[in-house]
Amino acid sequence: MTALPPGATIGILGGGQLGRMLALAAAPLGLKCHIYSDVPGPACDVAAASTIAPYEDTDAIRAFASAVDVVTYEFENVPLEAAAAAEAVKPVRPGPKALAVAQDRLEEKTFIRGIGIPVAPFAPIDSEASCADAVGIIGEAGILKTRRLGYDGKGQVRVKAGADLPAAFVALKGAPSVFEGLVPFAYEVSVLVVRSLAGDIRFYDIPLNTHKDGILDTSTVPSPLPAAHAARAQEIAGAIATALGYVGVLGVELFYLPDAAEPLVVNEIAPRVHNSGHWTMDACLCGQFANHIRAVAGWPLGPTDRHSDVTMTNLIGADVNAWLQLAAEPDAALHLYGKPEARPGRKMGHVNRLKPHQAR
């Protein structure tokens, strides 16, 4: 195993804000980034090079991979064919296995349950006729989610007791789906685990997450999660990363049920740097983006301890119009993504509000 030297180039599949923040984190380490995206995005503004071509263009993918030293990705819906084409030329970290698992909710839940980690009860639905079987397994109330391409509350329908599950399936245009049982959780937490090429594993502190309209609103550290349960959450995330042979930052979202025999139930995983870890950029010596770059480049991992308490708040849509006031706010670190249009539901930036670290 050889670490990439300063001056090496990391290829990033995806041109969004996560790619932008990865490229910005690579620069202080003397590493360059080359973006591959089907459309120009904010990552292209700060990268050393960009290739704009379809993800289905495997010739372009291979040429891109030939121009870099290692390939990573900034969103989990990179087509598997694109990742495979890149891997035929250069190492891809995390490997395509993580993509394959995370891109399909049925595969993801089956995989996690298969390594002995609890998930919410679920049943597959691929036709209106299969809805009856799903109700027999889950009950009438639950959440119907498409197996693929859902994020930030998209691609899902909440089904109430007595409601028509087949109608919900039709509302999702008959896409292959999973019907999940409702979990009576107190709140949601997420674990950010980073695993190095050598198998070293480190964790960031676990934030308390709140959501608005299905989109992450805030992440606050420290969270009220008891220490013993936080350790269990990290154990779960580490087991998933190890089972995937993962390299880089992995986000594991969990439901917290404080009074249950198993108080932590996995909701989903994200094989990439994660929105709930944006607070690490300003409250840690080595944030999630820098550690992802370190991992995929074969470097030693940086420290994950935090030096400050913090609340990260997403700037969604018109929230970004307050940029001047936010820039003047004391103890606040403003991060804007350079997107040209503030549409409803669009992540335009975030702000980290820091406080002195208080020992729990």
Protein backbone atom coordinates (compact mmCIF):
# COMPACT_ATOMS: atom_id res chain seq x y z
CA MET A 1 0.00 0.00 0.00
CA THR A 2 1.47 3.33 -1.09
CA ALA A 3 0.06 6.71 -0.09
CA LEU A 4 -0.46 9.16 -2.94
CA PRO A 5 2.13 11.94 -2.73
CA PRO A 6 1.31 15.65 -2.77
CA GLY A 7 0.68 16.66 -6.36
CA ALA A 8 -1.40 13.56 -7.08
CA THR A 9 -4.91 13.90 -8.49
CA ILE A 10 -8.10 12.48 -7.02
CA GLY A 11 -10.94 11.95 -9.44
CA ILE A 12 -14.43 12.67 -8.11
CA LEU A 13 -17.55 11.31 -9.77
CA GLY A 14 -20.16 14.02 -9.22
CA GLY A 15 -20.08 17.79 -9.42
CA GLY A 16 -22.27 18.91 -6.51
CA GLN A 17 -21.53 20.65 -3.24
CA LEU A 18 -20.05 17.55 -1.62
CA GLY A 19 -17.54 17.30 -4.45
CA ARG A 20 -16.82 21.00 -4.03
CA MET A 21 -16.05 20.58 -0.34
CA LEU A 22 -13.92 17.50 -1.04
CA ALA A 23 -11.85 19.47 -3.56
CA LEU A 24 -11.43 22.33 -1.10
CA ALA A 25 -10.29 19.86 1.57
CA ALA A 26 -7.78 18.25 -0.79
CA ALA A 27 -6.01 21.51 -1.63
CA PRO A 28 -4.33 22.10 1.79
CA LEU A 29 -2.87 18.59 1.52
CA GLY A 30 -1.26 19.44 -1.82
CA LEU A 31 -3.66 17.14 -3.69
CA LYS A 32 -5.59 18.11 -6.81
CA CYS A 33 -9.10 17.06 -7.84
CA HIS A 34 -10.58 16.30 -11.23
CA ILE A 35 -14.39 16.35 -11.41
CA TYR A 36 -16.45 14.13 -13.69
CA SER A 37 -20.10 15.13 -13.97
CA ASP A 38 -22.88 14.95 -16.52
CA VAL A 39 -23.63 18.64 -15.93
CA PRO A 40 -21.46 21.52 -14.66
CA GLY A 41 -21.81 21.94 -10.92
CA PRO A 42 -20.33 23.89 -8.00
CA ALA A 43 -17.45 21.41 -7.61
CA CYS A 44 -16.16 22.40 -11.06
CA ASP A 45 -15.54 25.97 -9.84
CA VAL A 46 -12.82 24.89 -7.40
CA ALA A 47 -11.29 21.80 -9.04
CA ALA A 48 -8.05 21.61 -10.99
CA ALA A 49 -9.87 19.98 -13.93
CA SER A 50 -13.37 18.97 -14.96
CA THR A 51 -14.85 16.56 -17.49
CA ILE A 52 -18.49 17.09 -18.47
CA ALA A 53 -19.91 13.99 -20.13
CA PRO A 54 -22.69 11.45 -19.55
CA TYR A 55 -22.14 8.80 -16.89
CA GLU A 56 -23.17 6.28 -19.55
CA ASP A 57 -20.17 7.27 -21.71
CA THR A 58 -17.77 4.58 -20.56
CA ASP A 59 -15.06 5.76 -22.97
CA ALA A 60 -15.13 9.20 -21.33
CA ILE A 61 -15.12 7.58 -17.88
CA ARG A 62 -12.05 5.53 -18.75
CA ALA A 63 -10.25 8.58 -20.15
CA PHE A 64 -11.08 10.47 -16.96
CA ALA A 65 -9.79 7.61 -14.80
CA SER A 66 -6.58 7.50 -16.84
CA ALA A 67 -5.94 11.16 -15.98
CA VAL A 68 -6.19 10.68 -12.18
CA ASP A 69 -4.53 8.51 -9.52
CA VAL A 70 -7.60 7.29 -7.64
CA VAL A 71 -11.37 7.72 -8.03
CA THR A 72 -14.02 8.47 -5.42
CA TYR A 73 -17.60 9.73 -5.64
CA GLU A 74 -19.75 12.35 -3.97
CA PHE A 75 -23.23 10.90 -4.44
CA GLU A 76 -24.57 7.38 -4.09
CA ASN A 77 -26.50 7.25 -7.36
CA VAL A 78 -23.44 7.11 -9.59
CA PRO A 79 -24.34 4.41 -12.14
CA LEU A 80 -22.62 1.14 -11.30
CA GLU A 81 -21.46 0.84 -14.89
CA ALA A 82 -19.59 4.14 -14.53
CA ALA A 83 -17.90 3.03 -11.32
CA ALA A 84 -16.96 -0.29 -12.91
CA ALA A 85 -15.50 1.44 -15.98
CA ALA A 86 -13.39 3.66 -13.73
CA GLU A 87 -12.29 0.72 -11.58
CA ALA A 88 -11.00 -1.08 -14.65
CA VAL A 89 -8.44 1.73 -14.96
CA LYS A 90 -7.74 3.03 -11.43
CA PRO A 91 -8.72 2.14 -7.87
CA VAL A 92 -12.21 3.29 -6.85
CA ARG A 93 -12.61 4.10 -3.14
CA PRO A 94 -15.08 3.32 -1.61
CA GLY A 95 -15.50 0.29 -3.87
CA PRO A 96 -18.51 -0.24 -6.14
CA LYS A 97 -19.90 -2.81 -3.65
CA ALA A 98 -20.91 0.05 -1.36
CA LEU A 99 -22.70 1.72 -4.27
CA ALA A 100 -24.53 -1.48 -5.19
CA VAL A 101 -25.79 -1.96 -1.63
CA ALA A 102 -26.76 1.66 -0.96
CA GLN A 103 -28.49 2.27 -4.30
CA ASP A 104 -31.20 -0.31 -3.64
CA ARG A 105 -33.14 -0.08 -0.38
CA LEU A 106 -34.04 -3.77 -0.51
CA GLU A 107 -30.41 -4.79 -1.05
CA GLU A 108 -29.31 -2.39 1.70
CA LYS A 109 -31.74 -3.65 4.32
CA THR A 110 -31.11 -7.28 3.42
CA PHE A 111 -27.35 -6.76 3.67
CA ILE A 112 -27.50 -4.99 7.03
CA ARG A 113 -29.88 -7.55 8.51
CA GLY A 114 -27.62 -10.28 7.15
CA ILE A 115 -24.70 -9.10 9.29
CA GLY A 116 -26.85 -9.20 12.40
CA ILE A 117 -27.76 -5.52 12.70
CA PRO A 118 -31.41 -4.52 13.29
CA VAL A 119 -33.37 -2.61 10.66
CA ALA A 120 -37.02 -1.58 10.55
CA PRO A 121 -39.32 -4.40 9.39
CA PHE A 122 -39.71 -4.34 5.62
CA ALA A 123 -41.32 -6.15 2.73
CA PRO A 124 -40.66 -5.80 -1.01
CA ILE A 125 -43.39 -4.60 -3.37
CA ASP A 126 -43.06 -4.94 -7.13
CA SER A 127 -46.73 -5.04 -8.16
CA GLU A 128 -50.15 -4.08 -6.87
CA ALA A 129 -50.79 -7.75 -6.19
CA SER A 130 -47.81 -7.95 -3.81
CA CYS A 131 -49.25 -5.17 -1.62
CA ALA A 132 -51.48 -7.65 0.20
CA ASP A 133 -48.48 -9.80 1.14
CA ALA A 134 -46.64 -6.72 2.40
CA VAL A 135 -49.58 -5.69 4.60
CA GLY A 136 -49.62 -9.22 6.00
CA ILE A 137 -45.99 -8.82 7.04
CA ILE A 138 -45.88 -5.16 8.11
CA GLY A 139 -49.49 -4.23 8.85
CA GLU A 140 -51.54 -1.47 7.25
CA ALA A 141 -49.46 1.52 8.45
CA GLY A 142 -45.95 2.20 7.21
CA ILE A 143 -43.83 4.08 4.72
CA LEU A 144 -43.66 3.04 1.09
CA LYS A 145 -40.28 3.89 -0.44
CA THR A 146 -38.95 3.35 -3.92
CA ARG A 147 -36.01 0.97 -3.93
CA ARG A 148 -33.90 3.41 -5.95
CA LEU A 149 -33.25 7.14 -6.32
CA GLY A 150 -35.05 8.42 -3.23
CA TYR A 151 -33.43 11.08 -1.04
CA ASP A 152 -34.43 14.07 1.09
CA GLY A 153 -37.97 12.74 1.44
CA LYS A 154 -38.41 12.07 -2.29
CA GLY A 155 -39.71 8.76 -3.58
CA GLN A 156 -41.73 7.87 -0.50
CA VAL A 157 -45.32 7.93 0.70
CA ARG A 158 -46.54 7.57 4.28
CA VAL A 159 -49.41 5.08 4.44
CA LYS A 160 -51.86 5.34 7.34
CA ALA A 161 -53.79 2.46 8.86
CA GLY A 162 -56.80 1.74 6.69
CA ALA A 163 -55.33 3.62 3.74
CA ASP A 164 -54.95 2.05 0.33
CA LEU A 165 -51.39 0.71 -0.11
CA PRO A 166 -51.96 -0.16 -3.80
CA ALA A 167 -52.95 3.49 -4.40
CA ALA A 168 -49.69 4.62 -2.78
CA PHE A 169 -47.81 2.19 -5.03
CA VAL A 170 -49.53 3.71 -8.07
CA ALA A 171 -48.62 7.20 -6.77
CA LEU A 172 -44.97 6.12 -6.96
CA LYS A 173 -45.63 5.13 -10.58
CA GLY A 174 -45.34 1.44 -9.85
CA ALA A 175 -41.62 1.65 -9.14
CA PRO A 176 -40.19 -1.39 -7.31
CA SER A 177 -40.45 -0.43 -3.64
CA VAL A 178 -40.15 -1.53 -0.05
CA PHE A 179 -42.87 -1.13 2.55
CA GLU A 180 -41.33 -0.28 5.92
CA GLY A 181 -42.97 -0.67 9.28
CA LEU A 182 -43.18 2.43 11.44
CA VAL A 183 -40.54 2.68 14.14
CA PRO A 184 -41.57 4.60 17.30
CA PHE A 185 -38.26 6.38 17.63
CA ALA A 186 -37.51 9.26 19.98
CA TYR A 187 -35.18 10.92 17.50
CA GLU A 188 -32.74 10.16 14.71
CA VAL A 189 -28.98 10.07 15.03
CA SER A 190 -26.25 9.55 12.48
CA VAL A 191 -22.79 8.08 12.80
CA LEU A 192 -19.94 9.33 10.64
CA VAL A 193 -17.30 6.63 10.44
CA VAL A 194 -14.09 6.90 8.44
CA ARG A 195 -12.10 3.80 7.50
CA SER A 196 -8.62 3.95 6.03
CA LEU A 197 -7.11 1.83 3.31
CA ALA A 198 -5.22 -0.04 6.04
CA GLY A 199 -8.46 -0.74 7.95
CA ASP A 200 -8.05 1.89 10.68
CA ILE A 201 -11.49 3.07 11.87
CA ARG A 202 -12.36 6.34 13.57
CA PHE A 203 -15.63 8.03 14.47
CA TYR A 204 -16.90 11.58 14.77
CA ASP A 205 -19.15 12.51 17.65
CA ILE A 206 -22.79 11.67 17.03
CA PRO A 207 -25.08 14.65 16.34
CA LEU A 208 -28.76 15.07 17.08
CA ASN A 209 -30.51 15.62 13.75
CA THR A 210 -33.76 17.45 13.09
CA HIS A 211 -35.61 17.49 9.79
CA LYS A 212 -37.98 19.85 8.03
CA ASP A 213 -40.10 18.70 5.09
CA GLY A 214 -38.03 15.53 4.82
CA ILE A 215 -34.74 17.44 4.55
CA LEU A 216 -32.07 17.67 7.23
CA ASP A 217 -32.49 20.99 9.04
CA THR A 218 -29.97 20.93 11.90
CA SER A 219 -27.26 18.71 13.35
CA THR A 220 -26.20 19.50 16.91
CA VAL A 221 -23.22 18.21 18.86
CA PRO A 222 -23.22 17.08 21.59
CA SER A 223 -26.41 15.09 21.33
CA PRO A 224 -28.40 13.77 24.30
CA LEU A 225 -27.61 10.19 23.28
CA PRO A 226 -26.30 8.30 26.34
CA ALA A 227 -22.65 7.28 26.14
CA ALA A 228 -23.37 3.54 26.16
CA HIS A 229 -25.83 3.89 23.28
CA ALA A 230 -23.41 6.15 21.39
CA ALA A 231 -20.78 3.44 21.69
CA ARG A 232 -23.26 0.88 20.35
CA ALA A 233 -24.13 3.16 17.42
CA GLN A 234 -20.44 3.44 16.56
CA GLU A 235 -20.04 -0.32 16.87
CA ILE A 236 -22.87 -0.77 14.35
CA ALA A 237 -21.36 1.73 11.90
CA GLY A 238 -17.93 0.16 12.21
CA ALA A 239 -19.34 -3.31 11.53
CA ILE A 240 -21.08 -2.08 8.37
CA ALA A 241 -17.93 -0.32 7.11
CA THR A 242 -15.83 -3.40 7.74
CA ALA A 243 -18.33 -5.75 6.08
CA LEU A 244 -18.29 -3.52 2.98
CA GLY A 245 -14.48 -3.33 2.90
CA TYR A 246 -15.12 0.39 2.94
CA VAL A 247 -12.54 3.15 2.40
CA GLY A 248 -13.54 6.74 3.21
CA VAL A 249 -16.35 8.37 5.17
CA LEU A 250 -19.61 6.44 5.58
CA GLY A 251 -22.82 7.90 7.00
CA VAL A 252 -25.07 5.54 8.96
CA GLU A 253 -28.49 6.89 9.95
CA LEU A 254 -30.22 5.25 12.90
CA PHE A 255 -33.49 5.51 14.78
CA TYR A 256 -33.13 5.79 18.54
CA LEU A 257 -35.64 3.94 20.73
CA PRO A 258 -34.37 4.51 24.28
CA ASP A 259 -36.68 2.00 25.99
CA ALA A 260 -36.39 -0.83 23.48
CA ALA A 261 -34.34 -3.99 24.00
CA GLU A 262 -32.32 -2.91 20.95
CA PRO A 263 -32.36 0.88 21.15
CA LEU A 264 -30.74 1.50 17.76
CA VAL A 265 -32.25 0.53 14.42
CA VAL A 266 -30.53 1.36 11.14
CA ASN A 267 -32.57 3.51 8.78
CA GLU A 268 -30.15 3.78 5.86
CA ILE A 269 -26.52 4.22 4.90
CA ALA A 270 -24.86 6.81 2.69
CA PRO A 271 -21.56 5.74 1.04
CA ARG A 272 -20.09 9.23 0.98
CA VAL A 273 -19.45 12.29 3.09
CA HIS A 274 -22.70 13.22 4.76
CA ASN A 275 -24.79 16.35 5.34
CA SER A 276 -24.99 15.61 9.08
CA GLY A 277 -21.20 15.77 9.23
CA HIS A 278 -20.81 19.30 7.86
CA TRP A 279 -20.30 20.56 11.41
CA THR A 280 -16.93 18.78 11.47
CA MET A 281 -15.52 21.34 9.01
CA ASP A 282 -15.24 23.97 11.76
CA ALA A 283 -15.51 22.05 15.05
CA CYS A 284 -12.78 19.48 14.38
CA LEU A 285 -9.11 19.76 13.49
CA CYS A 286 -9.69 17.31 10.64
CA GLY A 287 -13.22 17.40 9.25
CA GLN A 288 -15.06 14.69 7.34
CA PHE A 289 -13.99 16.00 3.92
CA ALA A 290 -10.30 16.08 4.81
CA ASN A 291 -10.50 12.60 6.31
CA HIS A 292 -12.28 11.20 3.26
CA ILE A 293 -9.51 12.60 1.07
CA ARG A 294 -6.88 11.15 3.42
CA ALA A 295 -8.53 7.73 3.33
CA VAL A 296 -8.93 7.43 -0.44
CA ALA A 297 -5.37 8.74 -0.95
CA GLY A 298 -3.98 6.08 1.40
CA TRP A 299 -2.86 8.60 4.02
CA PRO A 300 -3.11 8.13 7.79
CA LEU A 301 -6.44 9.30 9.16
CA GLY A 302 -6.60 12.64 10.94
CA PRO A 303 -8.02 13.19 14.43
CA THR A 304 -11.80 13.12 14.70
CA ASP A 305 -12.07 14.79 18.13
CA ARG A 306 -14.00 18.04 18.26
CA HIS A 307 -12.72 21.19 19.91
CA SER A 308 -16.09 23.00 19.98
CA ASP A 309 -19.77 22.35 20.45
CA VAL A 310 -21.70 23.24 17.33
CA THR A 311 -25.05 23.41 15.57
CA MET A 312 -25.04 23.04 11.80
CA THR A 313 -28.04 24.58 10.03
CA ASN A 314 -28.75 23.90 6.38
CA LEU A 315 -29.60 26.88 4.19
CA ILE A 316 -32.44 25.63 2.01
CA GLY A 317 -33.80 27.66 -0.88
CA ALA A 318 -34.44 31.29 0.09
CA ASP A 319 -32.63 30.83 3.44
CA VAL A 320 -29.44 31.72 1.58
CA ASN A 321 -30.73 35.25 0.94
CA ALA A 322 -29.69 36.09 4.51
CA TRP A 323 -26.02 35.53 3.58
CA LEU A 324 -24.96 39.06 4.55
CA GLN A 325 -26.46 38.83 8.03
CA LEU A 326 -25.04 35.32 8.50
CA ALA A 327 -21.61 36.51 7.43
CA ALA A 328 -21.73 39.14 10.16
CA GLU A 329 -22.87 36.75 12.89
CA PRO A 330 -20.24 36.13 15.60
CA ASP A 331 -19.09 32.53 16.19
CA ALA A 332 -20.74 31.42 12.94
CA ALA A 333 -18.92 29.87 9.97
CA LEU A 334 -20.78 30.34 6.70
CA HIS A 335 -20.37 27.92 3.80
CA LEU A 336 -22.05 28.75 0.49
CA TYR A 337 -22.13 26.28 -2.37
CA GLY A 338 -22.03 28.65 -5.33
CA LYS A 339 -25.30 27.49 -6.84
CA PRO A 340 -26.84 30.11 -9.12
CA GLU A 341 -30.53 29.70 -8.26
CA ALA A 342 -32.18 29.34 -4.84
CA ARG A 343 -35.03 26.95 -5.58
CA PRO A 344 -37.37 25.58 -2.88
CA GLY A 345 -35.88 22.46 -1.30
CA ARG A 346 -32.44 23.09 -2.78
CA LYS A 347 -29.42 23.02 -0.45
CA MET A 348 -27.65 26.32 -1.01
CA GLY A 349 -25.20 26.27 1.90
CA HIS A 350 -24.92 25.76 5.62
CA VAL A 351 -23.82 27.65 8.70
CA ASN A 352 -21.93 26.22 11.67
CA ARG A 353 -22.56 28.05 14.95
CA LEU A 354 -19.78 27.26 17.42
CA LYS A 355 -19.67 27.33 21.20
CA PRO A 356 -16.90 26.40 23.63
CA HIS A 357 -16.73 22.66 24.14
CA GLN A 358 -18.48 21.59 27.33
CA ALA A 359 -17.54 18.20 28.73
CA ARG A 360 -20.59 15.97 29.29
